[in-house]
Every structure is written in C-alpha cells, then in structure tokens.
C-alpha atoms as a PDB file:
ATOM      1  CA  GLN A   1     -30.840 -57.033 -22.981  1.00  0.00           C
ATOM      2  CA  ILE A   2     -29.227 -54.781 -20.363  1.00  0.00           C
ATOM      3  CA  TYR A   3     -27.691 -51.510 -21.443  1.00  0.00           C
ATOM      4  CA  LYS A   4     -25.303 -49.733 -19.128  1.00  0.00           C
ATOM      5  CA  THR A   5     -25.562 -45.997 -19.330  1.00  0.00           C
ATOM      6  CA  LYS A   6     -22.364 -44.066 -19.844  1.00  0.00           C
ATOM      7  CA  PRO A   7     -21.321 -42.381 -16.587  1.00  0.00           C
ATOM      8  CA  GLU A   8     -20.916 -38.649 -16.344  1.00  0.00           C
ATOM      9  CA  ASN A   9     -17.338 -37.544 -16.889  1.00  0.00           C
ATOM     10  CA  ILE A  10     -15.612 -35.894 -13.946  1.00  0.00           C
ATOM     11  CA  THR A  11     -13.769 -32.641 -14.467  1.00  0.00           C
ATOM     12  CA  VAL A  12     -10.900 -31.817 -12.134  1.00  0.00           C
ATOM     13  CA  SER A  13      -9.662 -28.243 -12.449  1.00  0.00           C
ATOM     14  CA  ILE A  14      -6.319 -26.956 -11.184  1.00  0.00           C
ATOM     15  CA  ASN A  15      -5.479 -23.288 -10.788  1.00  0.00           C
ATOM     16  CA  LYS A  16      -2.054 -21.661 -11.015  1.00  0.00           C
ATOM     17  CA  ASP A  17      -1.561 -22.073  -7.240  1.00  0.00           C
ATOM     18  CA  GLY A  18      -2.185 -25.833  -7.409  1.00  0.00           C
ATOM     19  CA  ASP A  19      -5.661 -25.686  -5.847  1.00  0.00           C
ATOM     20  CA  VAL A  20      -7.830 -28.601  -6.987  1.00  0.00           C
ATOM     21  CA  TYR A  21     -11.512 -28.163  -7.851  1.00  0.00           C
ATOM     22  CA  TRP A  22     -13.951 -31.079  -8.151  1.00  0.00           C
ATOM     23  CA  ASN A  23     -16.476 -31.105 -10.989  1.00  0.00           C
ATOM     24  CA  GLY A  24     -17.197 -27.382 -11.183  1.00  0.00           C
ATOM     25  CA  MET A  25     -17.270 -26.673  -7.451  1.00  0.00           C
ATOM     26  CA  MET A  26     -16.614 -23.044  -6.627  1.00  0.00           C
ATOM     27  CA  LYS A  27     -14.299 -23.794  -3.696  1.00  0.00           C
ATOM     28  CA  PRO A  28     -11.125 -25.892  -3.908  1.00  0.00           C
ATOM     29  CA  LEU A  29     -10.905 -29.235  -2.138  1.00  0.00           C
ATOM     30  CA  PRO A  30      -9.563 -28.395   1.338  1.00  0.00           C
ATOM     31  CA  GLY A  31      -7.278 -31.437   1.438  1.00  0.00           C
ATOM     32  CA  GLY A  32      -5.948 -31.024  -2.112  1.00  0.00           C
ATOM     33  CA  THR A  33      -4.823 -34.235  -3.777  1.00  0.00           C
ATOM     34  CA  GLU A  34      -5.635 -36.339  -0.707  1.00  0.00           C
ATOM     35  CA  ASP A  35      -9.284 -35.263  -0.874  1.00  0.00           C
ATOM     36  CA  LEU A  36      -9.158 -35.841  -4.622  1.00  0.00           C
ATOM     37  CA  PHE A  37      -7.782 -39.355  -4.065  1.00  0.00           C
ATOM     38  CA  ASP A  38     -10.630 -40.199  -1.671  1.00  0.00           C
ATOM     39  CA  ARG A  39     -13.250 -38.976  -4.141  1.00  0.00           C
ATOM     40  CA  LEU A  40     -11.661 -40.755  -7.098  1.00  0.00           C
ATOM     41  CA  LYS A  41     -11.473 -44.065  -5.196  1.00  0.00           C
ATOM     42  CA  VAL A  42     -15.274 -43.957  -4.960  1.00  0.00           C
ATOM     43  CA  GLU A  43     -15.573 -43.292  -8.707  1.00  0.00           C
ATOM     44  CA  ALA A  44     -12.995 -45.937  -9.669  1.00  0.00           C
ATOM     45  CA  VAL A  45     -15.189 -48.840  -8.513  1.00  0.00           C
ATOM     46  CA  LYS A  46     -18.215 -47.752 -10.537  1.00  0.00           C
ATOM     47  CA  VAL A  47     -19.135 -49.827 -13.577  1.00  0.00           C
ATOM     48  CA  PRO A  48     -18.739 -48.395 -16.111  1.00  0.00           C
ATOM     49  CA  GLN A  49     -16.041 -46.177 -14.724  1.00  0.00           C
ATOM     50  CA  PRO A  50     -16.253 -42.442 -15.517  1.00  0.00           C
ATOM     51  CA  GLU A  51     -13.486 -40.657 -17.370  1.00  0.00           C
ATOM     52  CA  VAL A  52     -11.571 -37.963 -15.524  1.00  0.00           C
ATOM     53  CA  HIS A  53     -10.883 -34.785 -17.477  1.00  0.00           C
ATOM     54  CA  ILE A  54      -8.201 -32.469 -16.174  1.00  0.00           C
ATOM     55  CA  ARG A  55      -8.523 -28.773 -16.864  1.00  0.00           C
ATOM     56  CA  GLY A  56      -5.469 -26.721 -15.957  1.00  0.00           C
ATOM     57  CA  ASP A  57      -5.263 -22.962 -15.635  1.00  0.00           C
ATOM     58  CA  GLN A  58      -3.086 -21.565 -18.425  1.00  0.00           C
ATOM     59  CA  ASN A  59      -0.442 -20.672 -15.834  1.00  0.00           C
ATOM     60  CA  VAL A  60      -0.548 -23.930 -13.875  1.00  0.00           C
ATOM     61  CA  ARG A  61       2.816 -25.590 -13.248  1.00  0.00           C
ATOM     62  CA  TYR A  62       3.411 -29.052 -14.702  1.00  0.00           C
ATOM     63  CA  GLU A  63       4.158 -30.291 -11.182  1.00  0.00           C
ATOM     64  CA  PHE A  64       0.525 -29.730 -10.129  1.00  0.00           C
ATOM     65  CA  VAL A  65      -0.839 -31.419 -13.257  1.00  0.00           C
ATOM     66  CA  GLY A  66       1.533 -34.352 -12.732  1.00  0.00           C
ATOM     67  CA  LYS A  67       0.412 -34.763  -9.115  1.00  0.00           C
ATOM     68  CA  THR A  68      -3.217 -34.792 -10.241  1.00  0.00           C
ATOM     69  CA  ILE A  69      -2.591 -37.441 -12.913  1.00  0.00           C
ATOM     70  CA  LEU A  70      -0.661 -39.579 -10.425  1.00  0.00           C
ATOM     71  CA  THR A  71      -3.488 -39.239  -7.898  1.00  0.00           C
ATOM     72  CA  ALA A  72      -6.034 -40.432 -10.476  1.00  0.00           C
ATOM     73  CA  GLN A  73      -3.835 -43.411 -11.387  1.00  0.00           C
ATOM     74  CA  ARG A  74      -3.300 -44.319  -7.711  1.00  0.00           C
ATOM     75  CA  ALA A  75      -7.062 -44.244  -7.193  1.00  0.00           C
ATOM     76  CA  GLY A  76      -7.545 -46.714 -10.051  1.00  0.00           C
ATOM     77  CA  ILE A  77      -8.961 -44.408 -12.725  1.00  0.00           C
ATOM     78  CA  ALA A  78      -8.312 -45.925 -16.151  1.00  0.00           C
ATOM     79  CA  LYS A  79      -9.104 -42.981 -18.443  1.00  0.00           C
ATOM     80  CA  VAL A  80      -7.574 -39.586 -17.774  1.00  0.00           C
ATOM     81  CA  GLY A  81      -7.679 -36.859 -20.386  1.00  0.00           C
ATOM     82  CA  PHE A  82      -7.167 -33.137 -20.757  1.00  0.00           C
ATOM     83  CA  VAL A  83      -9.648 -30.453 -21.663  1.00  0.00           C
ATOM     84  CA  ILE A  84      -8.718 -27.007 -22.878  1.00  0.00           C
END
C-alpha cells in the first residue's frame, strides 16, 4: 500500500504596507503578488497539494488580503485559510 505524506503547509504573511512574505522569509517577495503567483503555481501541481495559510498584520488592509487570496485561487490552490 502506498501512503502519501501530507505536504508542509505554506504560510504567506502580509504586513500593513501590503508586502508579501513567503513561508517565514525575512525579506518580502520583490515582485509582490506576481512573485507569489509564480511560487504558488509550482505548489498547486503537487500531489497532495499543500494548504496555504495567510497571516495578516493586525493593521493590514482588506485589499491586500483580498489580493493574496485571489492570487492563490488564480494559481490553482484549493485550500486557503487564515492564521492568527
């Protein structure tokens, strides 16, 4: 019997200025949501697909969170959640 291991979840953090951070990186992605899209496209084809957890700064604007969710959906990510 073949068991597929559960993939590591991916955490995408957004600060109050809308900068996007990939999985705990100390520097924001230089291309913002376009860089995020490229990275998530790679993750979207993995089987099983990882979940994407969005962590927003307490002062982040909804616009930035919305853009991040839309980017994940465009890339083909099925499970997007929020972490506090």
